[in-house]
Amino acid sequence: MKPLISLILWGSGLVGASAADAARTFSPPVHDGRRIERCYASPRYSGADACGDDSAQEVADQFCRDRGLRRSTYWSATYSKRKVAAWALEELGACGILVHRWTDHEGRSLFARIDCE
């Protein structure tokens, strides 16, 4: 490749970037065919905090990690007037270890989009 063409392609991210470096957008994000609840069922969050921005960021980060990506760089949520079948991230304490798992849930505050890197 000629140096100028190579420099242009490299600078635009077309050469030298791996698939792991590329950002991925999930809109709407789904897990096993169902939407993702933004609220986090965790003993660290209670009441309104379970659906706050900090807990939602943790759920979005876990969603990304489950797909082999590092973290969420952006997310947005929507509110459904009716409850819909969704997945919620749950955190349980077992023998002093926190365990994360996806559980069946009927939710209203759902992720509309999650961007991962």
PDB file of N, CA and C in Angstrom:
ATOM      1  N   MET A   1       0.847  -1.166   0.000  1.00  0.00           N
ATOM      2  CA  MET A   1       0.000   0.000   0.000  1.00  0.00           C
ATOM      3  C   MET A   1       0.897   1.234   0.000  1.00  0.00           C
ATOM      4  N   LYS A   2       0.547   2.234  -0.741  1.00  0.00           N
ATOM      5  CA  LYS A   2       1.322   3.468  -0.754  1.00  0.00           C
ATOM      6  C   LYS A   2       1.190   4.152   0.609  1.00  0.00           C
ATOM      7  N   PRO A   3       2.250   4.821   1.078  1.00  0.00           N
ATOM      8  CA  PRO A   3       2.215   5.415   2.421  1.00  0.00           C
ATOM      9  C   PRO A   3       1.038   6.344   2.665  1.00  0.00           C
ATOM     10  N   LEU A   4       0.681   7.213   1.708  1.00  0.00           N
ATOM     11  CA  LEU A   4      -0.403   8.153   1.928  1.00  0.00           C
ATOM     12  C   LEU A   4      -1.737   7.428   2.085  1.00  0.00           C
ATOM     13  N   ILE A   5      -1.983   6.442   1.238  1.00  0.00           N
ATOM     14  CA  ILE A   5      -3.228   5.666   1.333  1.00  0.00           C
ATOM     15  C   ILE A   5      -3.265   4.894   2.641  1.00  0.00           C
ATOM     16  N   SER A   6      -2.151   4.303   3.009  1.00  0.00           N
ATOM     17  CA  SER A   6      -2.078   3.562   4.267  1.00  0.00           C
ATOM     18  C   SER A   6      -2.355   4.472   5.450  1.00  0.00           C
ATOM     19  N   LEU A   7      -1.790   5.685   5.438  1.00  0.00           N
ATOM     20  CA  LEU A   7      -1.998   6.632   6.526  1.00  0.00           C
ATOM     21  C   LEU A   7      -3.465   7.042   6.621  1.00  0.00           C
ATOM     22  N   ILE A   8      -4.104   7.286   5.489  1.00  0.00           N
ATOM     23  CA  ILE A   8      -5.514   7.658   5.480  1.00  0.00           C
ATOM     24  C   ILE A   8      -6.372   6.523   6.023  1.00  0.00           C
ATOM     25  N   LEU A   9      -6.130   5.309   5.584  1.00  0.00           N
ATOM     26  CA  LEU A   9      -6.904   4.159   6.060  1.00  0.00           C
ATOM     27  C   LEU A   9      -6.661   3.914   7.540  1.00  0.00           C
ATOM     28  N   TRP A  10      -5.413   4.008   7.984  1.00  0.00           N
ATOM     29  CA  TRP A  10      -5.111   3.791   9.398  1.00  0.00           C
ATOM     30  C   TRP A  10      -5.762   4.869  10.252  1.00  0.00           C
ATOM     31  N   GLY A  11      -5.694   6.131   9.823  1.00  0.00           N
ATOM     32  CA  GLY A  11      -6.271   7.242  10.567  1.00  0.00           C
ATOM     33  C   GLY A  11      -7.783   7.159  10.659  1.00  0.00           C
ATOM     34  N   SER A  12      -8.427   6.527   9.686  1.00  0.00           N
ATOM     35  CA  SER A  12      -9.882   6.405   9.718  1.00  0.00           C
ATOM     36  C   SER A  12     -10.332   5.165  10.471  1.00  0.00           C
ATOM     37  N   GLY A  13      -9.371   4.356  10.930  1.00  0.00           N
ATOM     38  CA  GLY A  13      -9.726   3.171  11.699  1.00  0.00           C
ATOM     39  C   GLY A  13     -10.026   1.950  10.847  1.00  0.00           C
ATOM     40  N   LEU A  14      -9.763   2.038   9.541  1.00  0.00           N
ATOM     41  CA  LEU A  14     -10.056   0.914   8.668  1.00  0.00           C
ATOM     42  C   LEU A  14      -8.938  -0.110   8.661  1.00  0.00           C
ATOM     43  N   VAL A  15      -7.745   0.281   9.093  1.00  0.00           N
ATOM     44  CA  VAL A  15      -6.616  -0.634   9.142  1.00  0.00           C
ATOM     45  C   VAL A  15      -6.090  -0.631  10.567  1.00  0.00           C
ATOM     46  N   GLY A  16      -5.797  -1.788  11.106  1.00  0.00           N
ATOM     47  CA  GLY A  16      -5.168  -1.878  12.414  1.00  0.00           C
ATOM     48  C   GLY A  16      -6.129  -1.988  13.578  1.00  0.00           C
ATOM     49  N   ALA A  17      -7.411  -1.874  13.378  1.00  0.00           N
ATOM     50  CA  ALA A  17      -8.371  -2.011  14.481  1.00  0.00           C
ATOM     51  C   ALA A  17      -8.902  -3.435  14.490  1.00  0.00           C
ATOM     52  N   SER A  18      -8.929  -4.028  15.659  1.00  0.00           N
ATOM     53  CA  SER A  18      -9.474  -5.374  15.770  1.00  0.00           C
ATOM     54  C   SER A  18     -10.961  -5.304  16.068  1.00  0.00           C
ATOM     55  N   ALA A  19     -11.659  -6.423  15.942  1.00  0.00           N
ATOM     56  CA  ALA A  19     -13.096  -6.466  16.230  1.00  0.00           C
ATOM     57  C   ALA A  19     -13.362  -6.119  17.692  1.00  0.00           C
ATOM     58  N   ALA A  20     -12.433  -6.469  18.586  1.00  0.00           N
ATOM     59  CA  ALA A  20     -12.618  -6.183  20.012  1.00  0.00           C
ATOM     60  C   ALA A  20     -12.545  -4.685  20.296  1.00  0.00           C
ATOM     61  N   ASP A  21     -11.831  -3.922  19.442  1.00  0.00           N
ATOM     62  CA  ASP A  21     -11.704  -2.481  19.648  1.00  0.00           C
ATOM     63  C   ASP A  21     -12.943  -1.726  19.176  1.00  0.00           C
ATOM     64  N   ALA A  22     -13.727  -2.333  18.326  1.00  0.00           N
ATOM     65  CA  ALA A  22     -14.874  -1.640  17.749  1.00  0.00           C
ATOM     66  C   ALA A  22     -16.012  -1.545  18.758  1.00  0.00           C
ATOM     67  N   ALA A  23     -16.675  -0.406  18.760  1.00  0.00           N
ATOM     68  CA  ALA A  23     -17.843  -0.232  19.625  1.00  0.00           C
ATOM     69  C   ALA A  23     -19.029  -0.963  19.020  1.00  0.00           C
ATOM     70  N   ARG A  24     -19.869  -1.499  19.855  1.00  0.00           N
ATOM     71  CA  ARG A  24     -21.069  -2.195  19.403  1.00  0.00           C
ATOM     72  C   ARG A  24     -22.267  -1.530  20.029  1.00  0.00           C
ATOM     73  N   THR A  25     -23.310  -1.345  19.228  1.00  0.00           N
ATOM     74  CA  THR A  25     -24.557  -0.766  19.701  1.00  0.00           C
ATOM     75  C   THR A  25     -25.634  -1.831  19.682  1.00  0.00           C
ATOM     76  N   PHE A  26     -26.343  -1.978  20.781  1.00  0.00           N
ATOM     77  CA  PHE A  26     -27.467  -2.904  20.895  1.00  0.00           C
ATOM     78  C   PHE A  26     -28.712  -2.045  21.107  1.00  0.00           C
ATOM     79  N   SER A  27     -29.602  -2.039  20.117  1.00  0.00           N
ATOM     80  CA  SER A  27     -30.772  -1.167  20.175  1.00  0.00           C
ATOM     81  C   SER A  27     -31.994  -1.878  19.604  1.00  0.00           C
ATOM     82  N   PRO A  28     -32.881  -2.368  20.431  1.00  0.00           N
ATOM     83  CA  PRO A  28     -32.791  -2.459  21.883  1.00  0.00           C
ATOM     84  C   PRO A  28     -31.945  -3.662  22.281  1.00  0.00           C
ATOM     85  N   PRO A  29     -31.303  -3.616  23.429  1.00  0.00           N
ATOM     86  CA  PRO A  29     -30.532  -4.769  23.887  1.00  0.00           C
ATOM     87  C   PRO A  29     -31.468  -5.887  24.354  1.00  0.00           C
ATOM     88  N   VAL A  30     -31.140  -7.099  23.961  1.00  0.00           N
ATOM     89  CA  VAL A  30     -31.938  -8.260  24.376  1.00  0.00           C
ATOM     90  C   VAL A  30     -31.016  -9.361  24.880  1.00  0.00           C
ATOM     91  N   HIS A  31     -31.544 -10.188  25.729  1.00  0.00           N
ATOM     92  CA  HIS A  31     -30.859 -11.357  26.273  1.00  0.00           C
ATOM     93  C   HIS A  31     -31.811 -12.527  26.063  1.00  0.00           C
ATOM     94  N   ASP A  32     -31.396 -13.524  25.343  1.00  0.00           N
ATOM     95  CA  ASP A  32     -32.256 -14.673  25.021  1.00  0.00           C
ATOM     96  C   ASP A  32     -33.626 -14.220  24.508  1.00  0.00           C
ATOM     97  N   GLY A  33     -33.625 -13.202  23.646  1.00  0.00           N
ATOM     98  CA  GLY A  33     -34.843 -12.768  22.985  1.00  0.00           C
ATOM     99  C   GLY A  33     -35.748 -11.833  23.761  1.00  0.00           C
ATOM    100  N   ARG A  34     -35.357 -11.487  24.992  1.00  0.00           N
ATOM    101  CA  ARG A  34     -36.201 -10.588  25.789  1.00  0.00           C
ATOM    102  C   ARG A  34     -35.439  -9.331  26.164  1.00  0.00           C
ATOM    103  N   ARG A  35     -36.171  -8.261  26.395  1.00  0.00           N
ATOM    104  CA  ARG A  35     -35.597  -6.965  26.759  1.00  0.00           C
ATOM    105  C   ARG A  35     -34.902  -7.037  28.119  1.00  0.00           C
ATOM    106  N   ILE A  36     -34.125  -6.002  28.432  1.00  0.00           N
ATOM    107  CA  ILE A  36     -33.347  -5.925  29.667  1.00  0.00           C
ATOM    108  C   ILE A  36     -33.910  -4.819  30.557  1.00  0.00           C
ATOM    109  N   GLU A  37     -34.224  -5.177  31.782  1.00  0.00           N
ATOM    110  CA  GLU A  37     -34.688  -4.218  32.800  1.00  0.00           C
ATOM    111  C   GLU A  37     -33.487  -3.393  33.265  1.00  0.00           C
ATOM    112  N   ARG A  38     -33.653  -2.087  33.382  1.00  0.00           N
ATOM    113  CA  ARG A  38     -32.535  -1.246  33.809  1.00  0.00           C
ATOM    114  C   ARG A  38     -32.337  -1.268  35.317  1.00  0.00           C
ATOM    115  N   CYS A  39     -33.335  -1.647  36.089  1.00  0.00           N
ATOM    116  CA  CYS A  39     -33.215  -1.710  37.543  1.00  0.00           C
ATOM    117  C   CYS A  39     -32.373  -2.918  37.946  1.00  0.00           C
ATOM    118  N   TYR A  40     -31.627  -2.780  39.029  1.00  0.00           N
ATOM    119  CA  TYR A  40     -30.679  -3.797  39.474  1.00  0.00           C
ATOM    120  C   TYR A  40     -31.137  -4.349  40.818  1.00  0.00           C
ATOM    121  N   ALA A  41     -31.471  -5.621  40.870  1.00  0.00           N
ATOM    122  CA  ALA A  41     -31.881  -6.267  42.119  1.00  0.00           C
ATOM    123  C   ALA A  41     -30.620  -6.644  42.892  1.00  0.00           C
ATOM    124  N   SER A  42     -30.186  -5.744  43.749  1.00  0.00           N
ATOM    125  CA  SER A  42     -28.945  -5.944  44.494  1.00  0.00           C
ATOM    126  C   SER A  42     -29.117  -5.418  45.911  1.00  0.00           C
ATOM    127  N   PRO A  43     -28.518  -6.089  46.905  1.00  0.00           N
ATOM    128  CA  PRO A  43     -28.592  -5.564  48.269  1.00  0.00           C
ATOM    129  C   PRO A  43     -27.852  -4.230  48.409  1.00  0.00           C
ATOM    130  N   ARG A  44     -26.991  -3.893  47.447  1.00  0.00           N
ATOM    131  CA  ARG A  44     -26.272  -2.618  47.497  1.00  0.00           C
ATOM    132  C   ARG A  44     -27.158  -1.447  47.091  1.00  0.00           C
ATOM    133  N   TYR A  45     -28.245  -1.747  46.411  1.00  0.00           N
ATOM    134  CA  TYR A  45     -29.174  -0.701  45.976  1.00  0.00           C
ATOM    135  C   TYR A  45     -30.558  -1.049  46.502  1.00  0.00           C
ATOM    136  N   SER A  46     -31.251  -0.086  47.035  1.00  0.00           N
ATOM    137  CA  SER A  46     -32.604  -0.347  47.527  1.00  0.00           C
ATOM    138  C   SER A  46     -33.505   0.815  47.135  1.00  0.00           C
ATOM    139  N   GLY A  47     -34.787   0.576  47.113  1.00  0.00           N
ATOM    140  CA  GLY A  47     -35.746   1.619  46.774  1.00  0.00           C
ATOM    141  C   GLY A  47     -35.490   2.199  45.402  1.00  0.00           C
ATOM    142  N   ALA A  48     -35.506   3.517  45.317  1.00  0.00           N
ATOM    143  CA  ALA A  48     -35.315   4.202  44.038  1.00  0.00           C
ATOM    144  C   ALA A  48     -33.910   3.980  43.478  1.00  0.00           C
ATOM    145  N   ASP A  49     -32.919   3.724  44.352  1.00  0.00           N
ATOM    146  CA  ASP A  49     -31.555   3.504  43.877  1.00  0.00           C
ATOM    147  C   ASP A  49     -31.431   2.279  42.989  1.00  0.00           C
ATOM    148  N   ALA A  50     -32.337   1.323  43.136  1.00  0.00           N
ATOM    149  CA  ALA A  50     -32.295   0.129  42.299  1.00  0.00           C
ATOM    150  C   ALA A  50     -32.491   0.483  40.828  1.00  0.00           C
ATOM    151  N   CYS A  51     -33.127   1.616  40.562  1.00  0.00           N
ATOM    152  CA  CYS A  51     -33.347   2.062  39.187  1.00  0.00           C
ATOM    153  C   CYS A  51     -32.592   3.357  38.882  1.00  0.00           C
ATOM    154  N   GLY A  52     -31.661   3.718  39.740  1.00  0.00           N
ATOM    155  CA  GLY A  52     -30.884   4.933  39.529  1.00  0.00           C
ATOM    156  C   GLY A  52     -29.820   4.752  38.458  1.00  0.00           C
ATOM    157  N   ASP A  53     -29.164   5.846  38.116  1.00  0.00           N
ATOM    158  CA  ASP A  53     -28.158   5.815  37.057  1.00  0.00           C
ATOM    159  C   ASP A  53     -26.960   4.930  37.391  1.00  0.00           C
ATOM    160  N   ASP A  54     -26.522   4.937  38.657  1.00  0.00           N
ATOM    161  CA  ASP A  54     -25.357   4.115  39.025  1.00  0.00           C
ATOM    162  C   ASP A  54     -25.656   2.623  38.879  1.00  0.00           C
ATOM    163  N   SER A  55     -26.817   2.213  39.358  1.00  0.00           N
ATOM    164  CA  SER A  55     -27.159   0.791  39.255  1.00  0.00           C
ATOM    165  C   SER A  55     -27.423   0.404  37.800  1.00  0.00           C
ATOM    166  N   ALA A  56     -28.051   1.281  37.031  1.00  0.00           N
ATOM    167  CA  ALA A  56     -28.287   0.992  35.611  1.00  0.00           C
ATOM    168  C   ALA A  56     -26.965   0.864  34.860  1.00  0.00           C
ATOM    169  N   GLN A  57     -25.978   1.678  35.223  1.00  0.00           N
ATOM    170  CA  GLN A  57     -24.665   1.573  34.577  1.00  0.00           C
ATOM    171  C   GLN A  57     -24.041   0.207  34.849  1.00  0.00           C
ATOM    172  N   GLU A  58     -24.197  -0.298  36.071  1.00  0.00           N
ATOM    173  CA  GLU A  58     -23.675  -1.629  36.388  1.00  0.00           C
ATOM    174  C   GLU A  58     -24.347  -2.711  35.556  1.00  0.00           C
ATOM    175  N   VAL A  59     -25.658  -2.601  35.372  1.00  0.00           N
ATOM    176  CA  VAL A  59     -26.384  -3.578  34.551  1.00  0.00           C
ATOM    177  C   VAL A  59     -25.895  -3.495  33.108  1.00  0.00           C
ATOM    178  N   ALA A  60     -25.757  -2.292  32.578  1.00  0.00           N
ATOM    179  CA  ALA A  60     -25.281  -2.121  31.206  1.00  0.00           C
ATOM    180  C   ALA A  60     -23.860  -2.666  31.048  1.00  0.00           C
ATOM    181  N   ASP A  61     -22.990  -2.414  32.035  1.00  0.00           N
ATOM    182  CA  ASP A  61     -21.625  -2.957  31.994  1.00  0.00           C
ATOM    183  C   ASP A  61     -21.636  -4.474  31.984  1.00  0.00           C
ATOM    184  N   GLN A  62     -22.472  -5.092  32.821  1.00  0.00           N
ATOM    185  CA  GLN A  62     -22.547  -6.551  32.869  1.00  0.00           C
ATOM    186  C   GLN A  62     -23.065  -7.109  31.540  1.00  0.00           C
ATOM    187  N   PHE A  63     -24.048  -6.451  30.947  1.00  0.00           N
ATOM    188  CA  PHE A  63     -24.563  -6.852  29.641  1.00  0.00           C
ATOM    189  C   PHE A  63     -23.417  -6.885  28.622  1.00  0.00           C
ATOM    190  N   CYS A  64     -22.579  -5.851  28.626  1.00  0.00           N
ATOM    191  CA  CYS A  64     -21.452  -5.793  27.694  1.00  0.00           C
ATOM    192  C   CYS A  64     -20.431  -6.899  27.978  1.00  0.00           C
ATOM    193  N   ARG A  65     -20.080  -7.075  29.255  1.00  0.00           N
ATOM    194  CA  ARG A  65     -19.103  -8.114  29.619  1.00  0.00           C
ATOM    195  C   ARG A  65     -19.593  -9.502  29.209  1.00  0.00           C
ATOM    196  N   ASP A  66     -20.883  -9.743  29.330  1.00  0.00           N
ATOM    197  CA  ASP A  66     -21.437 -11.042  28.934  1.00  0.00           C
ATOM    198  C   ASP A  66     -21.273 -11.289  27.438  1.00  0.00           C
ATOM    199  N   ARG A  67     -21.034 -10.249  26.677  1.00  0.00           N
ATOM    200  CA  ARG A  67     -20.846 -10.357  25.240  1.00  0.00           C
ATOM    201  C   ARG A  67     -19.380 -10.234  24.846  1.00  0.00           C
ATOM    202  N   GLY A  68     -18.498 -10.347  25.829  1.00  0.00           N
ATOM    203  CA  GLY A  68     -17.068 -10.319  25.563  1.00  0.00           C
ATOM    204  C   GLY A  68     -16.500  -8.927  25.346  1.00  0.00           C
ATOM    205  N   LEU A  69     -17.249  -7.907  25.728  1.00  0.00           N
ATOM    206  CA  LEU A  69     -16.799  -6.529  25.582  1.00  0.00           C
ATOM    207  C   LEU A  69     -16.466  -5.964  26.965  1.00  0.00           C
ATOM    208  N   ARG A  70     -15.754  -4.857  27.015  1.00  0.00           N
ATOM    209  CA  ARG A  70     -15.252  -4.355  28.303  1.00  0.00           C
ATOM    210  C   ARG A  70     -16.302  -3.709  29.190  1.00  0.00           C
ATOM    211  N   ARG A  71     -17.050  -2.752  28.611  1.00  0.00           N
ATOM    212  CA  ARG A  71     -17.973  -1.984  29.440  1.00  0.00           C
ATOM    213  C   ARG A  71     -18.957  -1.241  28.546  1.00  0.00           C
ATOM    214  N   SER A  72     -19.922  -0.608  29.185  1.00  0.00           N
ATOM    215  CA  SER A  72     -20.872   0.224  28.460  1.00  0.00           C
ATOM    216  C   SER A  72     -20.375   1.666  28.453  1.00  0.00           C
ATOM    217  N   THR A  73     -20.413   2.290  27.289  1.00  0.00           N
ATOM    218  CA  THR A  73     -19.999   3.685  27.163  1.00  0.00           C
ATOM    219  C   THR A  73     -21.201   4.621  27.095  1.00  0.00           C
ATOM    220  N   TYR A  74     -22.376   4.066  26.822  1.00  0.00           N
ATOM    221  CA  TYR A  74     -23.598   4.868  26.720  1.00  0.00           C
ATOM    222  C   TYR A  74     -24.783   3.932  26.872  1.00  0.00           C
ATOM    223  N   TRP A  75     -25.824   4.433  27.504  1.00  0.00           N
ATOM    224  CA  TRP A  75     -27.076   3.684  27.552  1.00  0.00           C
ATOM    225  C   TRP A  75     -28.228   4.676  27.650  1.00  0.00           C
ATOM    226  N   SER A  76     -29.391   4.225  27.217  1.00  0.00           N
ATOM    227  CA  SER A  76     -30.617   5.001  27.399  1.00  0.00           C
ATOM    228  C   SER A  76     -31.724   4.015  27.746  1.00  0.00           C
ATOM    229  N   ALA A  77     -32.757   4.525  28.391  1.00  0.00           N
ATOM    230  CA  ALA A  77     -33.852   3.661  28.838  1.00  0.00           C
ATOM    231  C   ALA A  77     -35.186   4.253  28.426  1.00  0.00           C
ATOM    232  N   THR A  78     -36.182   3.409  28.446  1.00  0.00           N
ATOM    233  CA  THR A  78     -37.542   3.829  28.149  1.00  0.00           C
ATOM    234  C   THR A  78     -38.463   3.225  29.199  1.00  0.00           C
ATOM    235  N   TYR A  79     -39.616   3.790  29.365  1.00  0.00           N
ATOM    236  CA  TYR A  79     -40.570   3.292  30.347  1.00  0.00           C
ATOM    237  C   TYR A  79     -41.793   2.767  29.616  1.00  0.00           C
ATOM    238  N   SER A  80     -42.168   1.523  29.910  1.00  0.00           N
ATOM    239  CA  SER A  80     -43.345   0.894  29.301  1.00  0.00           C
ATOM    240  C   SER A  80     -44.564   1.122  30.196  1.00  0.00           C
ATOM    241  N   LYS A  81     -45.685   1.461  29.616  1.00  0.00           N
ATOM    242  CA  LYS A  81     -46.913   1.663  30.397  1.00  0.00           C
ATOM    243  C   LYS A  81     -47.412   0.353  30.995  1.00  0.00           C
ATOM    244  N   ARG A  82     -47.074  -0.744  30.354  1.00  0.00           N
ATOM    245  CA  ARG A  82     -47.477  -2.042  30.884  1.00  0.00           C
ATOM    246  C   ARG A  82     -46.220  -2.870  31.170  1.00  0.00           C
ATOM    247  N   LYS A  83     -46.346  -3.798  32.087  1.00  0.00           N
ATOM    248  CA  LYS A  83     -45.217  -4.673  32.395  1.00  0.00           C
ATOM    249  C   LYS A  83     -45.000  -5.641  31.238  1.00  0.00           C
ATOM    250  N   VAL A  84     -43.732  -5.868  30.920  1.00  0.00           N
ATOM    251  CA  VAL A  84     -43.378  -6.793  29.850  1.00  0.00           C
ATOM    252  C   VAL A  84     -42.370  -7.811  30.383  1.00  0.00           C
ATOM    253  N   ALA A  85     -42.375  -8.994  29.772  1.00  0.00           N
ATOM    254  CA  ALA A  85     -41.415 -10.021  30.155  1.00  0.00           C
ATOM    255  C   ALA A  85     -40.015  -9.535  29.797  1.00  0.00           C
ATOM    256  N   ALA A  86     -39.133  -9.533  30.766  1.00  0.00           N
ATOM    257  CA  ALA A  86     -37.782  -9.013  30.576  1.00  0.00           C
ATOM    258  C   ALA A  86     -36.804  -9.823  31.419  1.00  0.00           C
ATOM    259  N   TRP A  87     -35.539  -9.499  31.287  1.00  0.00           N
ATOM    260  CA  TRP A  87     -34.495 -10.054  32.142  1.00  0.00           C
ATOM    261  C   TRP A  87     -34.012  -8.954  33.066  1.00  0.00           C
ATOM    262  N   ALA A  88     -33.773  -9.299  34.305  1.00  0.00           N
ATOM    263  CA  ALA A  88     -33.204  -8.362  35.269  1.00  0.00           C
ATOM    264  C   ALA A  88     -31.916  -8.956  35.813  1.00  0.00           C
ATOM    265  N   LEU A  89     -30.940  -8.103  36.059  1.00  0.00           N
ATOM    266  CA  LEU A  89     -29.708  -8.554  36.690  1.00  0.00           C
ATOM    267  C   LEU A  89     -29.938  -8.575  38.189  1.00  0.00           C
ATOM    268  N   GLU A  90     -29.597  -9.692  38.797  1.00  0.00           N
ATOM    269  CA  GLU A  90     -29.780  -9.878  40.229  1.00  0.00           C
ATOM    270  C   GLU A  90     -28.418 -10.166  40.840  1.00  0.00           C
ATOM    271  N   GLU A  91     -28.187  -9.613  42.015  1.00  0.00           N
ATOM    272  CA  GLU A  91     -26.942  -9.852  42.738  1.00  0.00           C
ATOM    273  C   GLU A  91     -27.288 -10.485  44.066  1.00  0.00           C
ATOM    274  N   LEU A  92     -26.731 -11.643  44.311  1.00  0.00           N
ATOM    275  CA  LEU A  92     -26.991 -12.383  45.544  1.00  0.00           C
ATOM    276  C   LEU A  92     -25.694 -12.564  46.318  1.00  0.00           C
ATOM    277  N   GLY A  93     -25.789 -12.533  47.636  1.00  0.00           N
ATOM    278  CA  GLY A  93     -24.645 -12.831  48.475  1.00  0.00           C
ATOM    279  C   GLY A  93     -24.654 -14.304  48.840  1.00  0.00           C
ATOM    280  N   ALA A  94     -23.564 -14.998  48.512  1.00  0.00           N
ATOM    281  CA  ALA A  94     -23.447 -16.422  48.834  1.00  0.00           C
ATOM    282  C   ALA A  94     -22.057 -16.677  49.404  1.00  0.00           C
ATOM    283  N   CYS A  95     -21.996 -17.046  50.671  1.00  0.00           N
ATOM    284  CA  CYS A  95     -20.723 -17.344  51.334  1.00  0.00           C
ATOM    285  C   CYS A  95     -19.734 -16.190  51.216  1.00  0.00           C
ATOM    286  N   GLY A  96     -20.221 -14.967  51.353  1.00  0.00           N
ATOM    287  CA  GLY A  96     -19.345 -13.807  51.275  1.00  0.00           C
ATOM    288  C   GLY A  96     -18.960 -13.394  49.870  1.00  0.00           C
ATOM    289  N   ILE A  97     -19.513 -14.070  48.853  1.00  0.00           N
ATOM    290  CA  ILE A  97     -19.203 -13.752  47.460  1.00  0.00           C
ATOM    291  C   ILE A  97     -20.479 -13.230  46.805  1.00  0.00           C
ATOM    292  N   LEU A  98     -20.352 -12.169  46.028  1.00  0.00           N
ATOM    293  CA  LEU A  98     -21.499 -11.654  45.295  1.00  0.00           C
ATOM    294  C   LEU A  98     -21.611 -12.385  43.960  1.00  0.00           C
ATOM    295  N   VAL A  99     -22.790 -12.914  43.695  1.00  0.00           N
ATOM    296  CA  VAL A  99     -23.049 -13.670  42.467  1.00  0.00           C
ATOM    297  C   VAL A  99     -24.036 -12.878  41.626  1.00  0.00           C
ATOM    298  N   HIS A 100     -23.701 -12.679  40.347  1.00  0.00           N
ATOM    299  CA  HIS A 100     -24.600 -11.995  39.419  1.00  0.00           C
ATOM    300  C   HIS A 100     -25.279 -13.039  38.553  1.00  0.00           C
ATOM    301  N   ARG A 101     -26.573 -12.835  38.304  1.00  0.00           N
ATOM    302  CA  ARG A 101     -27.270 -13.733  37.379  1.00  0.00           C
ATOM    303  C   ARG A 101     -28.451 -12.989  36.766  1.00  0.00           C
ATOM    304  N   TRP A 102     -28.858 -13.428  35.580  1.00  0.00           N
ATOM    305  CA  TRP A 102     -30.028 -12.877  34.908  1.00  0.00           C
ATOM    306  C   TRP A 102     -31.242 -13.674  35.354  1.00  0.00           C
ATOM    307  N   THR A 103     -32.304 -12.990  35.759  1.00  0.00           N
ATOM    308  CA  THR A 103     -33.509 -13.662  36.238  1.00  0.00           C
ATOM    309  C   THR A 103     -34.729 -13.175  35.461  1.00  0.00           C
ATOM    310  N   ASP A 104     -35.758 -14.029  35.432  1.00  0.00           N
ATOM    311  CA  ASP A 104     -37.029 -13.644  34.814  1.00  0.00           C
ATOM    312  C   ASP A 104     -37.612 -12.469  35.572  1.00  0.00           C
ATOM    313  N   HIS A 105     -38.211 -11.553  34.839  1.00  0.00           N
ATOM    314  CA  HIS A 105     -38.715 -10.345  35.476  1.00  0.00           C
ATOM    315  C   HIS A 105     -39.821  -9.749  34.615  1.00  0.00           C
ATOM    316  N   GLU A 106     -40.776  -9.123  35.244  1.00  0.00           N
ATOM    317  CA  GLU A 106     -41.739  -8.308  34.520  1.00  0.00           C
ATOM    318  C   GLU A 106     -41.375  -6.873  34.817  1.00  0.00           C
ATOM    319  N   GLY A 107     -40.910  -6.158  33.795  1.00  0.00           N
ATOM    320  CA  GLY A 107     -40.404  -4.820  34.037  1.00  0.00           C
ATOM    321  C   GLY A 107     -41.095  -3.744  33.237  1.00  0.00           C
ATOM    322  N   ARG A 108     -40.798  -2.532  33.632  1.00  0.00           N
ATOM    323  CA  ARG A 108     -41.319  -1.360  32.931  1.00  0.00           C
ATOM    324  C   ARG A 108     -40.210  -0.412  32.509  1.00  0.00           C
ATOM    325  N   SER A 109     -39.163  -0.342  33.299  1.00  0.00           N
ATOM    326  CA  SER A 109     -38.033   0.536  32.959  1.00  0.00           C
ATOM    327  C   SER A 109     -37.002  -0.297  32.214  1.00  0.00           C
ATOM    328  N   LEU A 110     -37.011  -0.190  30.903  1.00  0.00           N
ATOM    329  CA  LEU A 110     -36.222  -1.069  30.044  1.00  0.00           C
ATOM    330  C   LEU A 110     -35.147  -0.282  29.306  1.00  0.00           C
ATOM    331  N   PHE A 111     -34.022  -0.938  29.080  1.00  0.00           N
ATOM    332  CA  PHE A 111     -32.986  -0.314  28.257  1.00  0.00           C
ATOM    333  C   PHE A 111     -33.498  -0.206  26.831  1.00  0.00           C
ATOM    334  N   ALA A 112     -33.329   0.965  26.247  1.00  0.00           N
ATOM    335  CA  ALA A 112     -33.648   1.185  24.834  1.00  0.00           C
ATOM    336  C   ALA A 112     -32.398   0.978  23.972  1.00  0.00           C
ATOM    337  N   ARG A 113     -31.238   1.258  24.583  1.00  0.00           N
ATOM    338  CA  ARG A 113     -29.971   1.151  23.840  1.00  0.00           C
ATOM    339  C   ARG A 113     -28.831   0.991  24.834  1.00  0.00           C
ATOM    340  N   ILE A 114     -27.864   0.159  24.461  1.00  0.00           N
ATOM    341  CA  ILE A 114     -26.619   0.036  25.207  1.00  0.00           C
ATOM    342  C   ILE A 114     -25.489   0.014  24.180  1.00  0.00           C
ATOM    343  N   ASP A 115     -24.500   0.901  24.350  1.00  0.00           N
ATOM    344  CA  ASP A 115     -23.297   0.900  23.526  1.00  0.00           C
ATOM    345  C   ASP A 115     -22.184   0.278  24.352  1.00  0.00           C
ATOM    346  N   CYS A 116     -21.455  -0.641  23.750  1.00  0.00           N
ATOM    347  CA  CYS A 116     -20.374  -1.338  24.438  1.00  0.00           C
ATOM    348  C   CYS A 116     -19.053  -1.114  23.699  1.00  0.00           C
ATOM    349  N   GLU A 117     -17.970  -1.189  24.471  1.00  0.00           N
ATOM    350  CA  GLU A 117     -16.639  -1.166  23.863  1.00  0.00           C
ATOM    351  C   GLU A 117     -15.826  -2.318  24.385  1.00  0.00           C
TER     352      GLU A 117
END
